[in-house]
Amino acid sequence: MKSTRLKTRIAGTAAAVAVLGGASLAMAPGAAAKANLISIERAQLHGDVLSVTVKYSCDTGLKWQLVSKMTKVEKGKETKSVATGAVAADKIICDFNDRVLTVKLRPTKGSHFVKGDQVKVTANYVAPGEKDDERPIAVITTKL
């Protein structure tokens, strides 16, 4: 009979440890599980200035710059209108909080954007000095 009581106590202790462990994970700060995120809030053209407003969040201690690219969606044209911009790593605050910033874009030579253009906008984190935006975190298609 004693072995049954011992087995019951061991099983009860294991269950209590599992419940307490789950409770401690549930009460841990939500920021600890947060990923590096970017969402594009809007793309705009004011006069001849292109900009993209993004909401971002990144892990504490990371040193990235945020890059954005706007491409005019035109069917049947070989040359594309493209504008790019970046926010320097020292202007990006990585502390798990959601933050909003505006990225000013510069059109490449020969590019032309007007109100009403359909554009594809991307945003990504890259190492300082890089411009690579091959696999962006955020992508939207919208009208200026």
Protein backbone atom coordinates (compact mmCIF):
# COMPACT_ATOMS: atom_id res chain seq x y z
CA MET A 1 0.00 0.00 0.00
CA LYS A 2 2.88 2.38 0.69
CA SER A 3 4.09 2.26 -2.93
CA THR A 4 0.71 3.55 -4.13
CA ARG A 5 0.89 6.52 -1.75
CA LEU A 6 4.45 7.24 -2.87
CA LYS A 7 3.39 7.13 -6.54
CA THR A 8 0.46 9.44 -5.77
CA ARG A 9 2.74 11.93 -4.00
CA ILE A 10 5.26 11.89 -6.86
CA ALA A 11 2.49 12.39 -9.41
CA GLY A 12 1.00 15.21 -7.31
CA THR A 13 4.38 16.91 -6.96
CA ALA A 14 5.01 16.65 -10.72
CA ALA A 15 1.58 18.13 -11.45
CA ALA A 16 2.20 21.01 -9.03
CA VAL A 17 5.58 21.76 -10.64
CA ALA A 18 3.97 21.76 -14.11
CA VAL A 19 1.19 24.12 -12.98
CA LEU A 20 3.63 26.51 -11.27
CA GLY A 21 5.94 26.48 -14.28
CA GLY A 22 3.04 27.29 -16.60
CA ALA A 23 1.86 30.07 -14.28
CA SER A 24 5.31 31.66 -14.19
CA LEU A 25 5.45 31.64 -18.01
CA ALA A 26 1.99 33.16 -18.22
CA MET A 27 2.97 35.96 -15.83
CA ALA A 28 6.29 36.73 -17.57
CA PRO A 29 6.44 40.07 -19.40
CA GLY A 30 4.86 39.85 -22.84
CA ALA A 31 7.77 41.77 -24.31
CA ALA A 32 10.11 38.85 -23.73
CA ALA A 33 8.31 36.87 -26.41
CA LYS A 34 8.07 39.73 -28.92
CA ALA A 35 9.68 39.47 -32.35
CA ASN A 36 11.22 42.12 -34.56
CA LEU A 37 8.20 43.58 -36.34
CA ILE A 38 7.43 46.27 -38.91
CA SER A 39 4.07 47.35 -40.30
CA ILE A 40 3.59 49.96 -42.99
CA GLU A 41 0.93 52.41 -41.86
CA ARG A 42 0.78 54.60 -44.99
CA ALA A 43 2.66 55.86 -48.03
CA GLN A 44 2.22 59.48 -49.01
CA LEU A 45 3.23 62.16 -51.47
CA HIS A 46 3.19 65.78 -50.26
CA GLY A 47 4.25 68.12 -53.04
CA ASP A 48 7.31 66.34 -54.41
CA VAL A 49 8.25 64.62 -51.11
CA LEU A 50 7.61 60.87 -50.80
CA SER A 51 7.44 59.27 -47.36
CA VAL A 52 6.37 56.09 -45.64
CA THR A 53 5.04 55.91 -42.07
CA VAL A 54 5.95 52.67 -40.31
CA LYS A 55 5.26 51.16 -36.91
CA TYR A 56 8.12 49.04 -35.63
CA SER A 57 9.29 47.06 -32.63
CA CYS A 58 12.61 45.30 -32.11
CA ASP A 59 14.50 43.39 -29.45
CA THR A 60 16.57 45.34 -26.95
CA GLY A 61 20.18 45.83 -27.93
CA LEU A 62 19.84 45.32 -31.67
CA LYS A 63 21.52 47.87 -33.94
CA TRP A 64 19.74 47.92 -37.29
CA GLN A 65 18.73 50.54 -39.75
CA LEU A 66 15.26 50.50 -41.23
CA VAL A 67 15.04 50.67 -45.04
CA SER A 68 12.00 51.23 -47.21
CA LYS A 69 11.42 51.07 -50.95
CA MET A 70 8.52 52.31 -53.07
CA THR A 71 7.99 51.00 -56.61
CA LYS A 72 5.34 52.33 -58.98
CA VAL A 73 3.12 49.50 -60.21
CA GLU A 74 2.99 49.94 -63.99
CA LYS A 75 2.00 47.18 -66.38
CA GLY A 76 3.85 46.87 -69.64
CA LYS A 77 6.67 49.30 -68.83
CA GLU A 78 10.29 48.20 -68.70
CA THR A 79 11.59 51.13 -66.65
CA LYS A 80 10.26 51.31 -63.14
CA SER A 81 9.89 54.33 -60.93
CA VAL A 82 11.61 53.55 -57.63
CA ALA A 83 12.23 55.56 -54.46
CA THR A 84 14.28 54.39 -51.49
CA GLY A 85 15.04 55.64 -48.01
CA ALA A 86 16.61 54.57 -44.74
CA VAL A 87 16.57 55.56 -41.09
CA ALA A 88 19.99 55.26 -39.46
CA ALA A 89 20.59 52.69 -36.74
CA ASP A 90 21.20 55.41 -34.14
CA LYS A 91 17.64 56.71 -34.76
CA ILE A 92 16.01 53.28 -34.25
CA ILE A 93 15.08 52.58 -30.62
CA CYS A 94 14.99 48.84 -29.89
CA ASP A 95 13.29 48.29 -26.52
CA PHE A 96 10.35 45.95 -27.26
CA ASN A 97 7.93 48.92 -27.45
CA ASP A 98 5.87 49.81 -30.53
CA ARG A 99 7.17 53.00 -32.11
CA VAL A 100 6.20 55.02 -35.19
CA LEU A 101 8.53 56.83 -37.55
CA THR A 102 8.51 58.40 -41.00
CA VAL A 103 10.99 57.33 -43.66
CA LYS A 104 11.65 59.99 -46.31
CA LEU A 105 12.20 58.46 -49.73
CA ARG A 106 14.33 59.71 -52.62
CA PRO A 107 13.31 58.76 -56.16
CA THR A 108 16.03 57.26 -58.31
CA LYS A 109 17.07 59.15 -61.45
CA GLY A 110 14.28 59.11 -64.04
CA SER A 111 11.58 58.05 -61.55
CA HIS A 112 8.32 59.97 -61.40
CA PHE A 113 5.46 59.70 -58.90
CA VAL A 114 2.12 61.57 -58.84
CA LYS A 115 -0.98 61.46 -56.63
CA GLY A 116 -3.14 58.46 -57.50
CA ASP A 117 -0.24 56.23 -58.58
CA GLN A 118 -0.51 52.60 -57.50
CA VAL A 119 2.67 51.73 -55.55
CA LYS A 120 4.21 48.72 -53.83
CA VAL A 121 5.96 49.64 -50.57
CA THR A 122 8.38 47.45 -48.61
CA ALA A 123 10.14 47.87 -45.26
CA ASN A 124 12.88 45.86 -43.61
CA TYR A 125 15.64 45.90 -41.02
CA VAL A 126 19.19 45.65 -42.37
CA ALA A 127 22.69 45.97 -40.94
CA PRO A 128 24.02 49.54 -40.90
CA GLY A 129 25.35 50.55 -44.30
CA GLU A 130 23.41 47.88 -46.21
CA LYS A 131 20.59 48.63 -48.63
CA ASP A 132 19.45 45.04 -49.21
CA ASP A 133 15.68 44.66 -49.15
CA GLU A 134 15.35 41.25 -50.79
CA ARG A 135 13.08 39.69 -48.16
CA PRO A 136 11.14 42.55 -46.58
CA ILE A 137 9.26 42.11 -43.33
CA ALA A 138 6.37 44.34 -44.48
CA VAL A 139 4.85 44.78 -47.95
CA ILE A 140 1.75 46.72 -49.02
CA THR A 141 0.28 47.90 -52.30
CA THR A 142 -1.62 51.19 -52.12
CA LYS A 143 -2.42 54.43 -53.92
CA LEU A 144 -0.54 57.66 -53.26
